Amino acid sequence: MQYPFCVYTIVNSTPVDYKDGQSNLEEVQFQIDCYTQSYDTTQELANNIRNSLDRFVGTVNGVEVQTIKYMSSDSQVYNPTLNVYWMSIDFMARMKR
């Protein structure tokens, strides 16, 4: 396995309700997990991801992202058996489909 690497997971997706019918807006909660073999690299990678995504607005693959909001992050965890550091970062995105 090659380090560093990140994995993303969509935690949930909730439509934003409208009075007049089906919503074309969704709030999507997602998590990015970073894995490295160095404490400093994990911190740097997590900070770069947060700085790149927090308050992002734009269109990605035809999907209009109205905003992405940083929600939280877990403390860094070290697994001595694998010699791996891990950190999880949570975001909420509001998207128009």
C-alpha atoms as a PDB file:
ATOM      1  CA  MET A   1       0.000   0.000   0.000  1.00  0.00           C
ATOM      2  CA  GLN A   2       1.265   3.475  -0.857  1.00  0.00           C
ATOM      3  CA  TYR A   3       0.948   6.367   1.587  1.00  0.00           C
ATOM      4  CA  PRO A   4      -0.416   8.959   1.903  1.00  0.00           C
ATOM      5  CA  PHE A   5      -3.929   8.316   0.679  1.00  0.00           C
ATOM      6  CA  CYS A   6      -7.475   9.506   1.417  1.00  0.00           C
ATOM      7  CA  VAL A   7     -10.857   7.802   1.272  1.00  0.00           C
ATOM      8  CA  TYR A   8     -14.193   9.598   1.123  1.00  0.00           C
ATOM      9  CA  THR A   9     -17.542   8.306   2.342  1.00  0.00           C
ATOM     10  CA  ILE A  10     -20.979   9.807   1.803  1.00  0.00           C
ATOM     11  CA  VAL A  11     -22.563   9.593   5.241  1.00  0.00           C
ATOM     12  CA  ASN A  12     -26.053  10.711   4.217  1.00  0.00           C
ATOM     13  CA  SER A  13     -27.985  12.728   1.660  1.00  0.00           C
ATOM     14  CA  THR A  14     -31.096  14.700   2.590  1.00  0.00           C
ATOM     15  CA  PRO A  15     -33.361  16.574   0.177  1.00  0.00           C
ATOM     16  CA  VAL A  16     -34.175  20.187   1.057  1.00  0.00           C
ATOM     17  CA  ASP A  17     -37.988  20.361   1.183  1.00  0.00           C
ATOM     18  CA  TYR A  18     -40.100  22.646  -0.986  1.00  0.00           C
ATOM     19  CA  LYS A  19     -43.768  23.514  -0.584  1.00  0.00           C
ATOM     20  CA  ASP A  20     -44.365  23.252  -4.330  1.00  0.00           C
ATOM     21  CA  GLY A  21     -43.082  19.769  -5.104  1.00  0.00           C
ATOM     22  CA  GLN A  22     -39.900  17.798  -5.520  1.00  0.00           C
ATOM     23  CA  SER A  23     -36.728  19.443  -4.342  1.00  0.00           C
ATOM     24  CA  ASN A  24     -33.714  19.810  -6.574  1.00  0.00           C
ATOM     25  CA  LEU A  25     -31.488  20.714  -3.606  1.00  0.00           C
ATOM     26  CA  GLU A  26     -29.694  18.211  -1.391  1.00  0.00           C
ATOM     27  CA  GLU A  27     -27.575  18.446   1.706  1.00  0.00           C
ATOM     28  CA  VAL A  28     -24.883  15.787   1.609  1.00  0.00           C
ATOM     29  CA  GLN A  29     -22.779  14.945   4.648  1.00  0.00           C
ATOM     30  CA  PHE A  30     -19.464  13.362   3.735  1.00  0.00           C
ATOM     31  CA  GLN A  31     -16.289  12.313   5.496  1.00  0.00           C
ATOM     32  CA  ILE A  32     -12.709  12.199   4.275  1.00  0.00           C
ATOM     33  CA  ASP A  33     -10.266   9.877   6.033  1.00  0.00           C
ATOM     34  CA  CYS A  34      -6.534  10.559   5.607  1.00  0.00           C
ATOM     35  CA  TYR A  35      -3.901   7.871   6.131  1.00  0.00           C
ATOM     36  CA  THR A  36      -0.164   8.578   6.318  1.00  0.00           C
ATOM     37  CA  GLN A  37       2.959   7.274   8.016  1.00  0.00           C
ATOM     38  CA  SER A  38       3.854  10.590   9.658  1.00  0.00           C
ATOM     39  CA  TYR A  39       2.088  12.782  12.205  1.00  0.00           C
ATOM     40  CA  ASP A  40       3.173  15.969  10.413  1.00  0.00           C
ATOM     41  CA  THR A  41       2.078  14.680   7.001  1.00  0.00           C
ATOM     42  CA  THR A  42      -1.342  13.773   8.386  1.00  0.00           C
ATOM     43  CA  GLN A  43      -1.771  17.271   9.815  1.00  0.00           C
ATOM     44  CA  GLU A  44      -0.603  18.913   6.589  1.00  0.00           C
ATOM     45  CA  LEU A  45      -2.838  16.760   4.398  1.00  0.00           C
ATOM     46  CA  ALA A  46      -5.891  17.324   6.607  1.00  0.00           C
ATOM     47  CA  ASN A  47      -5.274  21.093   6.642  1.00  0.00           C
ATOM     48  CA  ASN A  48      -4.889  21.179   2.844  1.00  0.00           C
ATOM     49  CA  ILE A  49      -8.156  19.280   2.388  1.00  0.00           C
ATOM     50  CA  ARG A  50      -9.991  21.563   4.805  1.00  0.00           C
ATOM     51  CA  ASN A  51      -8.592  24.711   3.182  1.00  0.00           C
ATOM     52  CA  SER A  52      -9.524  23.441  -0.290  1.00  0.00           C
ATOM     53  CA  LEU A  53     -13.083  22.370   0.506  1.00  0.00           C
ATOM     54  CA  ASP A  54     -14.353  24.664   3.277  1.00  0.00           C
ATOM     55  CA  ARG A  55     -16.693  27.270   1.710  1.00  0.00           C
ATOM     56  CA  PHE A  56     -16.102  25.897  -1.792  1.00  0.00           C
ATOM     57  CA  VAL A  57     -18.633  27.091  -4.385  1.00  0.00           C
ATOM     58  CA  GLY A  58     -18.645  25.927  -7.996  1.00  0.00           C
ATOM     59  CA  THR A  59     -19.679  23.282 -10.501  1.00  0.00           C
ATOM     60  CA  VAL A  60     -18.112  19.814 -10.394  1.00  0.00           C
ATOM     61  CA  ASN A  61     -18.933  17.232 -13.091  1.00  0.00           C
ATOM     62  CA  GLY A  62     -22.122  19.130 -13.935  1.00  0.00           C
ATOM     63  CA  VAL A  63     -23.318  19.372 -10.319  1.00  0.00           C
ATOM     64  CA  GLU A  64     -23.770  22.858  -8.864  1.00  0.00           C
ATOM     65  CA  VAL A  65     -22.196  22.999  -5.416  1.00  0.00           C
ATOM     66  CA  GLN A  66     -23.751  25.934  -3.567  1.00  0.00           C
ATOM     67  CA  THR A  67     -21.407  25.566  -0.608  1.00  0.00           C
ATOM     68  CA  ILE A  68     -19.320  23.080   1.342  1.00  0.00           C
ATOM     69  CA  LYS A  69     -18.991  23.625   5.069  1.00  0.00           C
ATOM     70  CA  TYR A  70     -16.333  22.105   7.340  1.00  0.00           C
ATOM     71  CA  MET A  71     -18.108  20.449  10.272  1.00  0.00           C
ATOM     72  CA  SER A  72     -15.488  18.728  12.438  1.00  0.00           C
ATOM     73  CA  SER A  73     -12.451  16.488  12.576  1.00  0.00           C
ATOM     74  CA  ASP A  74     -11.385  13.656  14.846  1.00  0.00           C
ATOM     75  CA  SER A  75      -8.128  13.664  16.697  1.00  0.00           C
ATOM     76  CA  GLN A  76      -5.327  11.914  14.961  1.00  0.00           C
ATOM     77  CA  VAL A  77      -5.064   8.199  15.716  1.00  0.00           C
ATOM     78  CA  TYR A  78      -1.894   6.133  15.480  1.00  0.00           C
ATOM     79  CA  ASN A  79      -1.893   2.407  14.786  1.00  0.00           C
ATOM     80  CA  PRO A  80       1.521   1.082  15.899  1.00  0.00           C
ATOM     81  CA  THR A  81       0.984  -2.331  14.301  1.00  0.00           C
ATOM     82  CA  LEU A  82       0.567  -0.795  10.844  1.00  0.00           C
ATOM     83  CA  ASN A  83       2.709   2.297  11.520  1.00  0.00           C
ATOM     84  CA  VAL A  84      -0.160   4.441  10.200  1.00  0.00           C
ATOM     85  CA  TYR A  85      -1.649   7.751  11.298  1.00  0.00           C
ATOM     86  CA  TRP A  86      -5.315   8.382  10.551  1.00  0.00           C
ATOM     87  CA  MET A  87      -7.518  11.481  10.698  1.00  0.00           C
ATOM     88  CA  SER A  88     -11.179  11.925   9.769  1.00  0.00           C
ATOM     89  CA  ILE A  89     -12.669  15.224   8.500  1.00  0.00           C
ATOM     90  CA  ASP A  90     -16.440  15.855   8.212  1.00  0.00           C
ATOM     91  CA  PHE A  91     -18.140  18.221   5.750  1.00  0.00           C
ATOM     92  CA  MET A  92     -21.671  19.231   4.731  1.00  0.00           C
ATOM     93  CA  ALA A  93     -22.338  20.152   1.099  1.00  0.00           C
ATOM     94  CA  ARG A  94     -25.405  21.842  -0.329  1.00  0.00           C
ATOM     95  CA  MET A  95     -25.874  20.833  -3.983  1.00  0.00           C
ATOM     96  CA  LYS A  96     -28.350  21.466  -6.747  1.00  0.00           C
ATOM     97  CA  ARG A  97     -29.111  18.528  -9.004  1.00  0.00           C
END
